[in-house]
Amino acid sequence: MIALLVAALAALVLGLVVGRRAAPRRRRAHAERPETVRRILLPFTGSSISRRAFDAAVRLARAENATLMPCYLATVPLNLPLDAALPAQCLRAMPLLETIEQRAIAQDVAIDGRIVRGRTHRDALRRILSDERFDRVIVSAEHQLGPGFTGDDLVWLLDRADAEVLILRPALEDHREVAADVIGHF
């Protein structure tokens, strides 16, 4: 009896299917789905991000053996060329990217941080989504007014992203954030 259970479990693990009809259907369904989630985009716009969104992204990346890609969306004013230097935004983004990287690596999550430019946050997000492929996008919907993604931006993302989109909104009383531990250069 135990040997029969072990053999059945081994057949499932190895992907062996008894019967001719089930095998082709399983192969087609398997070919249409990606094996695993490989890259998770975590876009942000300010000097901190929601702790809940960060924790969810790290948990999913670790569980799915994916690379977490935090991405600061920098806005370039219309009077400057798109490749203009943005020192003030870089000073805000780099410490947070470093903090995210350290916390993710401490939890055995691969990380590949980015800074992407655009005329607006939505334009920068459009650029990264068109230039690279992601399996999942995790966005924090803020309940306070301020810099970040508007409701229209989130609807746009749901319509345009060629990936799973997970929008997390912290509870009204949850003000926990991931912010840079050190400001400035070390």
Protein backbone atom coordinates (compact mmCIF):
# COMPACT_ATOMS: atom_id res chain seq x y z
CA MET A 1 0.00 0.00 0.00
CA ILE A 2 2.78 2.46 0.93
CA ALA A 3 4.73 1.49 -2.19
CA LEU A 4 1.65 2.26 -4.31
CA LEU A 5 1.29 5.70 -2.68
CA VAL A 6 4.98 6.42 -3.21
CA ALA A 7 4.70 5.40 -6.88
CA ALA A 8 1.62 7.62 -7.37
CA LEU A 9 3.36 10.56 -5.70
CA ALA A 10 6.47 10.03 -7.85
CA ALA A 11 4.29 9.97 -10.98
CA LEU A 12 2.71 13.29 -9.99
CA VAL A 13 6.06 14.87 -9.16
CA LEU A 14 7.62 13.74 -12.43
CA GLY A 15 4.57 14.87 -14.38
CA LEU A 16 3.67 11.42 -15.63
CA VAL A 17 0.02 11.06 -16.48
CA VAL A 18 -1.74 7.74 -16.94
CA GLY A 19 -3.89 7.66 -20.07
CA ARG A 20 -3.41 9.16 -23.53
CA ARG A 21 -6.12 11.82 -23.44
CA ALA A 22 -4.94 13.63 -20.29
CA ALA A 23 -1.32 14.06 -21.38
CA PRO A 24 -1.81 16.38 -24.39
CA ARG A 25 -4.24 18.61 -22.51
CA ARG A 26 -1.86 18.93 -19.58
CA ARG A 27 1.05 19.81 -21.86
CA ARG A 28 -0.94 22.53 -23.64
CA ALA A 29 -2.13 24.10 -20.40
CA HIS A 30 1.39 23.86 -18.99
CA ALA A 31 2.89 25.52 -22.09
CA GLU A 32 0.47 28.47 -21.90
CA ARG A 33 1.33 29.33 -18.30
CA PRO A 34 4.73 30.57 -17.19
CA GLU A 35 6.65 28.12 -15.01
CA THR A 36 7.06 30.61 -12.18
CA VAL A 37 6.93 34.30 -11.61
CA ARG A 38 10.37 35.58 -12.51
CA ARG A 39 10.20 39.38 -12.03
CA ILE A 40 8.06 41.51 -9.72
CA LEU A 41 7.96 45.26 -10.30
CA LEU A 42 7.54 47.47 -7.23
CA PRO A 43 7.20 51.07 -8.51
CA PHE A 44 7.30 54.03 -6.12
CA THR A 45 7.42 57.80 -6.39
CA GLY A 46 8.43 59.30 -3.05
CA SER A 47 11.07 58.91 -0.40
CA SER A 48 9.16 56.09 1.31
CA ILE A 49 6.83 53.26 0.37
CA SER A 50 4.09 51.43 2.20
CA ARG A 51 5.45 48.77 4.52
CA ARG A 52 2.50 46.54 3.62
CA ALA A 53 3.30 46.72 -0.13
CA PHE A 54 7.00 46.10 0.50
CA ASP A 55 6.32 43.12 2.78
CA ALA A 56 3.90 41.61 0.26
CA ALA A 57 6.40 42.03 -2.57
CA VAL A 58 9.20 40.41 -0.57
CA ARG A 59 6.99 37.52 0.57
CA LEU A 60 5.82 36.83 -2.99
CA ALA A 61 9.32 37.14 -4.45
CA ARG A 62 10.71 34.74 -1.85
CA ALA A 63 7.86 32.23 -2.25
CA GLU A 64 8.06 32.31 -6.05
CA ASN A 65 11.85 32.59 -6.32
CA ALA A 66 11.40 35.82 -8.29
CA THR A 67 13.56 38.90 -8.64
CA LEU A 68 12.13 41.96 -6.93
CA MET A 69 12.57 45.09 -9.03
CA PRO A 70 11.96 48.25 -7.01
CA CYS A 71 11.67 51.15 -9.42
CA TYR A 72 11.73 54.84 -8.58
CA LEU A 73 9.66 56.79 -11.11
CA ALA A 74 11.41 60.13 -11.69
CA THR A 75 9.58 63.00 -13.36
CA VAL A 76 11.44 65.23 -15.79
CA PRO A 77 10.01 68.73 -16.37
CA LEU A 78 9.04 69.59 -19.94
CA ASN A 79 11.66 72.34 -20.14
CA LEU A 80 14.47 69.77 -19.71
CA PRO A 81 15.53 66.95 -22.00
CA LEU A 82 14.38 63.53 -20.86
CA ASP A 83 17.96 62.46 -20.12
CA ALA A 84 18.74 65.53 -17.96
CA ALA A 85 20.44 65.04 -14.62
CA LEU A 86 17.99 64.92 -11.70
CA PRO A 87 20.18 65.24 -8.59
CA ALA A 88 17.39 66.13 -6.14
CA GLN A 89 15.29 63.12 -7.17
CA CYS A 90 18.31 60.83 -7.11
CA LEU A 91 19.15 61.98 -3.57
CA ARG A 92 15.61 61.02 -2.58
CA ALA A 93 15.56 57.70 -4.47
CA MET A 94 18.99 56.19 -3.87
CA PRO A 95 18.86 55.86 -0.07
CA LEU A 96 15.43 54.21 -0.31
CA LEU A 97 16.59 51.86 -3.08
CA GLU A 98 19.57 50.93 -0.89
CA THR A 99 17.32 50.29 2.12
CA ILE A 100 14.96 48.15 0.03
CA GLU A 101 17.93 46.20 -1.34
CA GLN A 102 19.41 45.53 2.10
CA ARG A 103 16.08 44.38 3.55
CA ALA A 104 15.30 42.15 0.57
CA ILE A 105 18.75 40.55 0.52
CA ALA A 106 18.47 39.86 4.25
CA GLN A 107 15.40 37.76 3.39
CA ASP A 108 17.15 35.92 0.52
CA VAL A 109 15.34 37.78 -2.26
CA ALA A 110 17.13 38.69 -5.49
CA ILE A 111 16.85 42.37 -6.29
CA ASP A 112 17.38 44.62 -9.30
CA GLY A 113 16.61 48.28 -8.51
CA ARG A 114 15.93 50.92 -11.13
CA ILE A 115 15.32 54.61 -11.63
CA VAL A 116 13.14 55.32 -14.66
CA ARG A 117 12.43 58.75 -16.14
CA GLY A 118 9.25 60.12 -17.62
CA ARG A 119 7.35 63.36 -17.97
CA THR A 120 4.87 62.11 -15.36
CA HIS A 121 4.78 59.12 -13.02
CA ARG A 122 2.43 57.39 -15.45
CA ASP A 123 4.79 58.11 -18.36
CA ALA A 124 7.74 56.64 -16.44
CA LEU A 125 5.65 53.59 -15.55
CA ARG A 126 4.60 53.24 -19.19
CA ARG A 127 8.24 53.37 -20.25
CA ILE A 128 9.40 50.61 -17.88
CA LEU A 129 6.41 48.42 -18.75
CA SER A 130 7.09 48.79 -22.49
CA ASP A 131 10.87 48.28 -22.20
CA GLU A 132 10.85 45.23 -19.94
CA ARG A 133 8.65 42.26 -19.16
CA PHE A 134 7.26 41.67 -15.69
CA ASP A 135 5.14 38.87 -14.36
CA ARG A 136 3.63 40.91 -11.54
CA VAL A 137 3.34 44.57 -10.58
CA ILE A 138 2.75 45.49 -6.94
CA VAL A 139 1.60 49.05 -6.30
CA SER A 140 0.77 50.81 -3.09
CA ALA A 141 -2.39 52.90 -3.28
CA GLU A 142 -1.99 55.68 -0.78
CA HIS A 143 -4.96 56.96 1.15
CA GLN A 144 -3.41 60.39 1.73
CA LEU A 145 -3.23 63.09 -0.89
CA GLY A 146 0.28 63.74 -2.07
CA PRO A 147 2.84 62.45 -4.52
CA GLY A 148 2.18 59.02 -5.87
CA PHE A 149 -0.33 57.21 -8.01
CA THR A 150 -3.76 58.69 -8.56
CA GLY A 151 -6.85 56.59 -8.96
CA ASP A 152 -6.68 57.28 -12.70
CA ASP A 153 -3.07 56.02 -12.74
CA LEU A 154 -4.12 52.79 -11.05
CA VAL A 155 -7.01 52.25 -13.50
CA TRP A 156 -4.60 52.94 -16.36
CA LEU A 157 -2.17 50.38 -14.92
CA LEU A 158 -4.89 47.75 -14.64
CA ASP A 159 -5.85 48.34 -18.28
CA ARG A 160 -2.34 48.52 -19.77
CA ALA A 161 -0.02 46.26 -17.80
CA ASP A 162 0.71 42.93 -19.44
CA ALA A 163 1.16 41.37 -16.01
CA GLU A 164 -0.72 40.58 -12.85
CA VAL A 165 -1.37 43.78 -10.93
CA LEU A 166 -1.69 43.80 -7.18
CA ILE A 167 -2.83 47.08 -5.63
CA LEU A 168 -2.48 47.28 -1.86
CA ARG A 169 -3.99 50.00 0.26
CA PRO A 170 -2.99 50.11 3.90
CA ALA A 171 -5.69 50.53 6.50
CA LEU A 172 -6.41 54.16 7.35
CA GLU A 173 -4.64 53.84 10.69
CA ASP A 174 -1.63 52.00 9.21
CA HIS A 175 1.09 54.58 8.60
CA ARG A 176 4.03 52.16 8.55
CA GLU A 177 6.53 52.86 5.82
CA VAL A 178 9.85 51.71 4.52
CA ALA A 179 12.09 54.75 4.43
CA ALA A 180 15.80 55.26 4.06
CA ASP A 181 17.71 54.69 7.27
CA VAL A 182 20.44 57.14 6.31
CA ILE A 183 20.00 60.34 4.32
CA GLY A 184 22.96 61.55 2.34
CA HIS A 185 26.16 59.83 1.27
CA PHE A 186 28.10 57.47 3.48
